[in-house]
């Protein structure tokens, strides 16, 4: 496989265009280098590389200096517009608070308990930001972040997905709610009972199932909406499976890692 990049495949950098404009305006490499505080040889090399990338001569070189060719004058027009647009973008993004559309995902329980205060604070600080909230299970939310459909999402449990990075937002206590007669359910008490929880892809459901598996019991699962993360029987005190953390996951294409 040949990894060599041909001249026509190289990208045109804004710094090259600034050098090109300086040479065109001053009429020579020496004066352009002085204006830009660059070494003369560096300016010469960058101009030649730009000509090689475009496949045209940009300057007529004579005893009295350098003047743009017809192609050079056309590029100079593009250069003025591109550099002006780049400066406009820099000024717009650095001089104003965040604005635009922000898509945030969260589990239903997180959206109900934790996000009202956070979103209220966010809106008060950045009123121009248009925030949209999407609720789903952790598995669905992480898939949407990976696909670029969400900017970030509050999910439960550890995040070890390639291409995602996460920060712990808060830690929750996951409680198993049972009938008052079953305060510390063991194998005998759990036999024959049905676990009511959220659908597949829910981290709370996975935690409960893993917790039951450590007791050597497989439970029949009824998927549906519950008043809390999970229910077994009716209201009352119960045992506490391991509490999952709720990290904020976001897309991180260049470095698949977890902080």
Foldseek 3Di string as FASTA:
>chain_A
DDPDDALQRDDDDLVLLLLLLLCQVVQALVRSCVVVVHDSVVSVVSQVSVCRNVVHRQWDQDPVGTHGDPVVVVVNVVSVVVVVVVVVVVCVVPVDDDADEAEEEEAPVCCVPPVVVVVVVVCVVPVRHHYDYHHDAQQVQVVCQQVVVHQKYWYWADDQDFQKEKDFDFWDWAFEFAPAVQQEDAPVNQPPWEKEAADPRHVLVVQVQVVVVVRVDGHHYDHDDDPDRIYTYDGDHYDTGDIITIIMMHGHRPGGDYD
